[in-house]
Amino acid sequence: MAFYGTGCLLAAAIIALAGVLRPWLAALIIGAALFAAAGIAALAGKSQLKKATPPVPSRASESVKADVEQIKESAHR
């Protein structure tokens, strides 16, 4: 429902601008503004991803290291 509501608001913005400009120009302006907003959101998300560190499964890595050491010890016997 929110998707359709957003579409209706966008159509209302285009119709409002069409009162001042030609309809195709109003639609072009609104479309360009939407692409600009999407680009800004994408860049913000990309910077957030760069700041994030990958999750490190510390317990699992410690367990694997202990298993490897145990296998090495039993192989030397």
PDB file of N, CA and C in Angstrom:
ATOM      1  N   MET A   1       0.830  -1.183   0.000  1.00  0.00           N
ATOM      2  CA  MET A   1       0.000   0.000   0.000  1.00  0.00           C
ATOM      3  C   MET A   1       0.884   1.260   0.000  1.00  0.00           C
ATOM      4  N   ALA A   2       1.989   1.209   0.714  1.00  0.00           N
ATOM      5  CA  ALA A   2       2.884   2.360   0.758  1.00  0.00           C
ATOM      6  C   ALA A   2       3.478   2.635  -0.631  1.00  0.00           C
ATOM      7  N   PHE A   3       3.717   1.564  -1.382  1.00  0.00           N
ATOM      8  CA  PHE A   3       4.251   1.719  -2.736  1.00  0.00           C
ATOM      9  C   PHE A   3       3.273   2.513  -3.607  1.00  0.00           C
ATOM     10  N   TYR A   4       1.996   2.161  -3.527  1.00  0.00           N
ATOM     11  CA  TYR A   4       0.985   2.874  -4.310  1.00  0.00           C
ATOM     12  C   TYR A   4       0.796   4.300  -3.793  1.00  0.00           C
ATOM     13  N   GLY A   5       0.892   4.487  -2.499  1.00  0.00           N
ATOM     14  CA  GLY A   5       0.793   5.829  -1.933  1.00  0.00           C
ATOM     15  C   GLY A   5       1.918   6.726  -2.424  1.00  0.00           C
ATOM     16  N   THR A   6       3.121   6.151  -2.494  1.00  0.00           N
ATOM     17  CA  THR A   6       4.260   6.910  -3.014  1.00  0.00           C
ATOM     18  C   THR A   6       4.039   7.276  -4.475  1.00  0.00           C
ATOM     19  N   GLY A   7       3.515   6.346  -5.245  1.00  0.00           N
ATOM     20  CA  GLY A   7       3.218   6.625  -6.654  1.00  0.00           C
ATOM     21  C   GLY A   7       2.195   7.745  -6.805  1.00  0.00           C
ATOM     22  N   CYS A   8       1.186   7.739  -5.947  1.00  0.00           N
ATOM     23  CA  CYS A   8       0.173   8.803  -6.006  1.00  0.00           C
ATOM     24  C   CYS A   8       0.773  10.161  -5.653  1.00  0.00           C
ATOM     25  N   LEU A   9       1.650  10.186  -4.659  1.00  0.00           N
ATOM     26  CA  LEU A   9       2.289  11.452  -4.293  1.00  0.00           C
ATOM     27  C   LEU A   9       3.199  11.959  -5.408  1.00  0.00           C
ATOM     28  N   LEU A  10       3.879  11.054  -6.065  1.00  0.00           N
ATOM     29  CA  LEU A  10       4.727  11.452  -7.187  1.00  0.00           C
ATOM     30  C   LEU A  10       3.882  11.980  -8.340  1.00  0.00           C
ATOM     31  N   ALA A  11       2.773  11.325  -8.607  1.00  0.00           N
ATOM     32  CA  ALA A  11       1.877  11.805  -9.663  1.00  0.00           C
ATOM     33  C   ALA A  11       1.321  13.181  -9.312  1.00  0.00           C
ATOM     34  N   ALA A  12       1.008  13.393  -8.032  1.00  0.00           N
ATOM     35  CA  ALA A  12       0.508  14.708  -7.607  1.00  0.00           C
ATOM     36  C   ALA A  12       1.575  15.779  -7.791  1.00  0.00           C
ATOM     37  N   ALA A  13       2.829  15.433  -7.505  1.00  0.00           N
ATOM     38  CA  ALA A  13       3.919  16.402  -7.704  1.00  0.00           C
ATOM     39  C   ALA A  13       4.083  16.731  -9.178  1.00  0.00           C
ATOM     40  N   ILE A  14       3.971  15.739 -10.029  1.00  0.00           N
ATOM     41  CA  ILE A  14       4.096  15.976 -11.473  1.00  0.00           C
ATOM     42  C   ILE A  14       2.944  16.850 -11.972  1.00  0.00           C
ATOM     43  N   ILE A  15       1.739  16.551 -11.512  1.00  0.00           N
ATOM     44  CA  ILE A  15       0.573  17.333 -11.940  1.00  0.00           C
ATOM     45  C   ILE A  15       0.684  18.777 -11.441  1.00  0.00           C
ATOM     46  N   ALA A  16       1.212  18.948 -10.214  1.00  0.00           N
ATOM     47  CA  ALA A  16       1.378  20.305  -9.680  1.00  0.00           C
ATOM     48  C   ALA A  16       2.382  21.092 -10.510  1.00  0.00           C
ATOM     49  N   LEU A  17       3.480  20.470 -10.881  1.00  0.00           N
ATOM     50  CA  LEU A  17       4.461  21.153 -11.721  1.00  0.00           C
ATOM     51  C   LEU A  17       3.935  21.369 -13.139  1.00  0.00           C
ATOM     52  N   ALA A  18       3.063  20.475 -13.596  1.00  0.00           N
ATOM     53  CA  ALA A  18       2.517  20.602 -14.943  1.00  0.00           C
ATOM     54  C   ALA A  18       1.640  21.843 -15.080  1.00  0.00           C
ATOM     55  N   GLY A  19       1.187  22.393 -13.961  1.00  0.00           N
ATOM     56  CA  GLY A  19       0.423  23.636 -14.012  1.00  0.00           C
ATOM     57  C   GLY A  19       1.294  24.815 -14.385  1.00  0.00           C
ATOM     58  N   VAL A  20       2.588  24.684 -14.133  1.00  0.00           N
ATOM     59  CA  VAL A  20       3.522  25.780 -14.420  1.00  0.00           C
ATOM     60  C   VAL A  20       4.347  25.482 -15.667  1.00  0.00           C
ATOM     61  N   LEU A  21       4.744  24.230 -15.831  1.00  0.00           N
ATOM     62  CA  LEU A  21       5.597  23.810 -16.939  1.00  0.00           C
ATOM     63  C   LEU A  21       4.828  22.870 -17.854  1.00  0.00           C
ATOM     64  N   ARG A  22       5.461  22.486 -18.939  1.00  0.00           N
ATOM     65  CA  ARG A  22       4.863  21.468 -19.800  1.00  0.00           C
ATOM     66  C   ARG A  22       4.882  20.127 -19.041  1.00  0.00           C
ATOM     67  N   PRO A  23       3.890  19.279 -19.252  1.00  0.00           N
ATOM     68  CA  PRO A  23       3.815  18.021 -18.489  1.00  0.00           C
ATOM     69  C   PRO A  23       5.047  17.120 -18.643  1.00  0.00           C
ATOM     70  N   TRP A  24       5.602  17.040 -19.859  1.00  0.00           N
ATOM     71  CA  TRP A  24       6.762  16.173 -20.031  1.00  0.00           C
ATOM     72  C   TRP A  24       7.965  16.712 -19.263  1.00  0.00           C
ATOM     73  N   LEU A  25       8.074  18.033 -19.175  1.00  0.00           N
ATOM     74  CA  LEU A  25       9.179  18.642 -18.436  1.00  0.00           C
ATOM     75  C   LEU A  25       8.991  18.441 -16.932  1.00  0.00           C
ATOM     76  N   ALA A  26       7.753  18.526 -16.471  1.00  0.00           N
ATOM     77  CA  ALA A  26       7.474  18.284 -15.056  1.00  0.00           C
ATOM     78  C   ALA A  26       7.840  16.853 -14.673  1.00  0.00           C
ATOM     79  N   ALA A  27       7.449  15.891 -15.527  1.00  0.00           N
ATOM     80  CA  ALA A  27       7.778  14.496 -15.261  1.00  0.00           C
ATOM     81  C   ALA A  27       9.295  14.275 -15.299  1.00  0.00           C
ATOM     82  N   LEU A  28       9.973  14.943 -16.216  1.00  0.00           N
ATOM     83  CA  LEU A  28      11.430  14.822 -16.317  1.00  0.00           C
ATOM     84  C   LEU A  28      12.117  15.366 -15.065  1.00  0.00           C
ATOM     85  N   ILE A  29      11.647  16.488 -14.566  1.00  0.00           N
ATOM     86  CA  ILE A  29      12.235  17.087 -13.364  1.00  0.00           C
ATOM     87  C   ILE A  29      12.034  16.175 -12.155  1.00  0.00           C
ATOM     88  N   ILE A  30      10.833  15.665 -11.986  1.00  0.00           N
ATOM     89  CA  ILE A  30      10.555  14.774 -10.850  1.00  0.00           C
ATOM     90  C   ILE A  30      11.382  13.489 -10.975  1.00  0.00           C
ATOM     91  N   GLY A  31      11.472  12.938 -12.169  1.00  0.00           N
ATOM     92  CA  GLY A  31      12.278  11.725 -12.375  1.00  0.00           C
ATOM     93  C   GLY A  31      13.752  11.954 -12.082  1.00  0.00           C
ATOM     94  N   ALA A  32      14.276  13.096 -12.514  1.00  0.00           N
ATOM     95  CA  ALA A  32      15.681  13.410 -12.241  1.00  0.00           C
ATOM     96  C   ALA A  32      15.914  13.597 -10.743  1.00  0.00           C
ATOM     97  N   ALA A  33      14.963  14.223 -10.062  1.00  0.00           N
ATOM     98  CA  ALA A  33      15.090  14.405  -8.615  1.00  0.00           C
ATOM     99  C   ALA A  33      15.078  13.055  -7.897  1.00  0.00           C
ATOM    100  N   LEU A  34      14.245  12.137  -8.380  1.00  0.00           N
ATOM    101  CA  LEU A  34      14.211  10.796  -7.766  1.00  0.00           C
ATOM    102  C   LEU A  34      15.516  10.047  -7.988  1.00  0.00           C
ATOM    103  N   PHE A  35      16.084  10.145  -9.199  1.00  0.00           N
ATOM    104  CA  PHE A  35      17.365   9.497  -9.460  1.00  0.00           C
ATOM    105  C   PHE A  35      18.478  10.123  -8.619  1.00  0.00           C
ATOM    106  N   ALA A  36      18.432  11.428  -8.432  1.00  0.00           N
ATOM    107  CA  ALA A  36      19.441  12.092  -7.599  1.00  0.00           C
ATOM    108  C   ALA A  36      19.331  11.620  -6.152  1.00  0.00           C
ATOM    109  N   ALA A  37      18.105  11.513  -5.649  1.00  0.00           N
ATOM    110  CA  ALA A  37      17.904  11.037  -4.276  1.00  0.00           C
ATOM    111  C   ALA A  37      18.374   9.592  -4.133  1.00  0.00           C
ATOM    112  N   ALA A  38      18.114   8.777  -5.141  1.00  0.00           N
ATOM    113  CA  ALA A  38      18.559   7.382  -5.094  1.00  0.00           C
ATOM    114  C   ALA A  38      20.080   7.296  -5.121  1.00  0.00           C
ATOM    115  N   GLY A  39      20.721   8.151  -5.908  1.00  0.00           N
ATOM    116  CA  GLY A  39      22.184   8.169  -5.957  1.00  0.00           C
ATOM    117  C   GLY A  39      22.789   8.574  -4.624  1.00  0.00           C
ATOM    118  N   ILE A  40      22.206   9.583  -3.997  1.00  0.00           N
ATOM    119  CA  ILE A  40      22.698  10.026  -2.687  1.00  0.00           C
ATOM    120  C   ILE A  40      22.523   8.919  -1.657  1.00  0.00           C
ATOM    121  N   ALA A  41      21.372   8.245  -1.683  1.00  0.00           N
ATOM    122  CA  ALA A  41      21.140   7.140  -0.745  1.00  0.00           C
ATOM    123  C   ALA A  41      22.114   5.996  -0.995  1.00  0.00           C
ATOM    124  N   ALA A  42      22.416   5.719  -2.250  1.00  0.00           N
ATOM    125  CA  ALA A  42      23.364   4.647  -2.572  1.00  0.00           C
ATOM    126  C   ALA A  42      24.766   4.986  -2.082  1.00  0.00           C
ATOM    127  N   LEU A  43      25.181   6.236  -2.269  1.00  0.00           N
ATOM    128  CA  LEU A  43      26.501   6.643  -1.790  1.00  0.00           C
ATOM    129  C   LEU A  43      26.584   6.606  -0.268  1.00  0.00           C
ATOM    130  N   ALA A  44      25.509   7.000   0.395  1.00  0.00           N
ATOM    131  CA  ALA A  44      25.490   6.945   1.860  1.00  0.00           C
ATOM    132  C   ALA A  44      25.562   5.495   2.338  1.00  0.00           C
ATOM    133  N   GLY A  45      24.841   4.608   1.670  1.00  0.00           N
ATOM    134  CA  GLY A  45      24.886   3.195   2.029  1.00  0.00           C
ATOM    135  C   GLY A  45      26.251   2.581   1.777  1.00  0.00           C
ATOM    136  N   LYS A  46      26.891   2.999   0.694  1.00  0.00           N
ATOM    137  CA  LYS A  46      28.223   2.485   0.377  1.00  0.00           C
ATOM    138  C   LYS A  46      29.229   2.910   1.441  1.00  0.00           C
ATOM    139  N   SER A  47      29.130   4.154   1.897  1.00  0.00           N
ATOM    140  CA  SER A  47      30.064   4.608   2.934  1.00  0.00           C
ATOM    141  C   SER A  47      29.791   3.889   4.254  1.00  0.00           C
ATOM    142  N   GLN A  48      28.539   3.570   4.524  1.00  0.00           N
ATOM    143  CA  GLN A  48      28.205   2.813   5.736  1.00  0.00           C
ATOM    144  C   GLN A  48      28.801   1.408   5.660  1.00  0.00           C
ATOM    145  N   LEU A  49      28.753   0.806   4.482  1.00  0.00           N
ATOM    146  CA  LEU A  49      29.317  -0.533   4.321  1.00  0.00           C
ATOM    147  C   LEU A  49      30.832  -0.525   4.471  1.00  0.00           C
ATOM    148  N   LYS A  50      31.488   0.522   4.000  1.00  0.00           N
ATOM    149  CA  LYS A  50      32.940   0.606   4.137  1.00  0.00           C
ATOM    150  C   LYS A  50      33.347   0.745   5.594  1.00  0.00           C
ATOM    151  N   LYS A  51      32.531   1.441   6.393  1.00  0.00           N
ATOM    152  CA  LYS A  51      32.830   1.627   7.810  1.00  0.00           C
ATOM    153  C   LYS A  51      32.613   0.344   8.613  1.00  0.00           C
ATOM    154  N   ALA A  52      31.716  -0.496   8.159  1.00  0.00           N
ATOM    155  CA  ALA A  52      31.388  -1.718   8.897  1.00  0.00           C
ATOM    156  C   ALA A  52      32.533  -2.714   8.792  1.00  0.00           C
ATOM    157  N   THR A  53      32.762  -3.419   9.868  1.00  0.00           N
ATOM    158  CA  THR A  53      33.788  -4.460   9.851  1.00  0.00           C
ATOM    159  C   THR A  53      33.099  -5.807   9.675  1.00  0.00           C
ATOM    160  N   PRO A  54      33.751  -6.708   9.002  1.00  0.00           N
ATOM    161  CA  PRO A  54      33.120  -8.015   8.834  1.00  0.00           C
ATOM    162  C   PRO A  54      33.041  -8.748  10.174  1.00  0.00           C
ATOM    163  N   PRO A  55      31.982  -9.480  10.396  1.00  0.00           N
ATOM    164  CA  PRO A  55      31.854 -10.193  11.659  1.00  0.00           C
ATOM    165  C   PRO A  55      32.924 -11.285  11.764  1.00  0.00           C
ATOM    166  N   VAL A  56      33.535 -11.346  12.913  1.00  0.00           N
ATOM    167  CA  VAL A  56      34.583 -12.342  13.132  1.00  0.00           C
ATOM    168  C   VAL A  56      34.050 -13.365  14.129  1.00  0.00           C
ATOM    169  N   PRO A  57      33.928 -14.597  13.693  1.00  0.00           N
ATOM    170  CA  PRO A  57      33.459 -15.640  14.613  1.00  0.00           C
ATOM    171  C   PRO A  57      34.617 -16.079  15.521  1.00  0.00           C
ATOM    172  N   SER A  58      34.854 -15.319  16.579  1.00  0.00           N
ATOM    173  CA  SER A  58      36.031 -15.561  17.416  1.00  0.00           C
ATOM    174  C   SER A  58      35.988 -16.927  18.083  1.00  0.00           C
ATOM    175  N   ARG A  59      34.842 -17.326  18.587  1.00  0.00           N
ATOM    176  CA  ARG A  59      34.763 -18.641  19.244  1.00  0.00           C
ATOM    177  C   ARG A  59      35.028 -19.752  18.242  1.00  0.00           C
ATOM    178  N   ALA A  60      34.487 -19.634  17.051  1.00  0.00           N
ATOM    179  CA  ALA A  60      34.677 -20.676  16.038  1.00  0.00           C
ATOM    180  C   ALA A  60      36.134 -20.734  15.595  1.00  0.00           C
ATOM    181  N   SER A  61      36.763 -19.568  15.408  1.00  0.00           N
ATOM    182  CA  SER A  61      38.163 -19.577  14.968  1.00  0.00           C
ATOM    183  C   SER A  61      39.070 -20.132  16.059  1.00  0.00           C
ATOM    184  N   GLU A  62      38.781 -19.819  17.317  1.00  0.00           N
ATOM    185  CA  GLU A  62      39.572 -20.382  18.414  1.00  0.00           C
ATOM    186  C   GLU A  62      39.394 -21.890  18.485  1.00  0.00           C
ATOM    187  N   SER A  63      38.181 -22.357  18.270  1.00  0.00           N
ATOM    188  CA  SER A  63      37.913 -23.796  18.300  1.00  0.00           C
ATOM    189  C   SER A  63      38.648 -24.509  17.171  1.00  0.00           C
ATOM    190  N   VAL A  64      38.653 -23.911  15.992  1.00  0.00           N
ATOM    191  CA  VAL A  64      39.346 -24.517  14.859  1.00  0.00           C
ATOM    192  C   VAL A  64      40.847 -24.550  15.119  1.00  0.00           C
ATOM    193  N   LYS A  65      41.396 -23.459  15.670  1.00  0.00           N
ATOM    194  CA  LYS A  65      42.825 -23.442  15.987  1.00  0.00           C
ATOM    195  C   LYS A  65      43.168 -24.518  17.006  1.00  0.00           C
ATOM    196  N   ALA A  66      42.330 -24.698  18.017  1.00  0.00           N
ATOM    197  CA  ALA A  66      42.570 -25.745  19.014  1.00  0.00           C
ATOM    198  C   ALA A  66      42.501 -27.123  18.372  1.00  0.00           C
ATOM    199  N   ASP A  67      41.552 -27.313  17.472  1.00  0.00           N
ATOM    200  CA  ASP A  67      41.444 -28.604  16.783  1.00  0.00           C
ATOM    201  C   ASP A  67      42.677 -28.881  15.940  1.00  0.00           C
ATOM    202  N   VAL A  68      43.171 -27.862  15.240  1.00  0.00           N
ATOM    203  CA  VAL A  68      44.364 -28.036  14.406  1.00  0.00           C
ATOM    204  C   VAL A  68      45.565 -28.386  15.272  1.00  0.00           C
ATOM    205  N   GLU A  69      45.715 -27.706  16.397  1.00  0.00           N
ATOM    206  CA  GLU A  69      46.832 -28.007  17.297  1.00  0.00           C
ATOM    207  C   GLU A  69      46.733 -29.432  17.836  1.00  0.00           C
ATOM    208  N   GLN A  70      45.539 -29.858  18.183  1.00  0.00           N
ATOM    209  CA  GLN A  70      45.354 -31.211  18.693  1.00  0.00           C
ATOM    210  C   GLN A  70      45.677 -32.250  17.629  1.00  0.00           C
ATOM    211  N   ILE A  71      45.285 -31.979  16.408  1.00  0.00           N
ATOM    212  CA  ILE A  71      45.587 -32.914  15.302  1.00  0.00           C
ATOM    213  C   ILE A  71      47.076 -32.963  15.047  1.00  0.00           C
ATOM    214  N   LYS A  72      47.763 -31.802  15.106  1.00  0.00           N
ATOM    215  CA  LYS A  72      49.194 -31.761  14.903  1.00  0.00           C
ATOM    216  C   LYS A  72      49.905 -32.562  16.000  1.00  0.00           C
ATOM    217  N   GLU A  73      49.465 -32.427  17.241  1.00  0.00           N
ATOM    218  CA  GLU A  73      50.078 -33.150  18.349  1.00  0.00           C
ATOM    219  C   GLU A  73      49.871 -34.658  18.203  1.00  0.00           C
ATOM    220  N   SER A  74      48.681 -35.048  17.810  1.00  0.00           N
ATOM    221  CA  SER A  74      48.429 -36.486  17.673  1.00  0.00           C
ATOM    222  C   SER A  74      49.149 -37.067  16.460  1.00  0.00           C
ATOM    223  N   ALA A  75      49.434 -36.265  15.466  1.00  0.00           N
ATOM    224  CA  ALA A  75      50.166 -36.736  14.288  1.00  0.00           C
ATOM    225  C   ALA A  75      51.626 -36.935  14.592  1.00  0.00           C
ATOM    226  N   HIS A  76      52.187 -36.152  15.521  1.00  0.00           N
ATOM    227  CA  HIS A  76      53.600 -36.275  15.876  1.00  0.00           C
ATOM    228  C   HIS A  76      53.854 -37.465  16.796  1.00  0.00           C
ATOM    229  N   ARG A  77      52.874 -38.022  17.423  1.00  0.00           N
ATOM    230  CA  ARG A  77      53.042 -39.146  18.354  1.00  0.00           C
ATOM    231  C   ARG A  77      53.224 -40.424  17.667  1.00  0.00           C
TER     232      ARG A  77
END
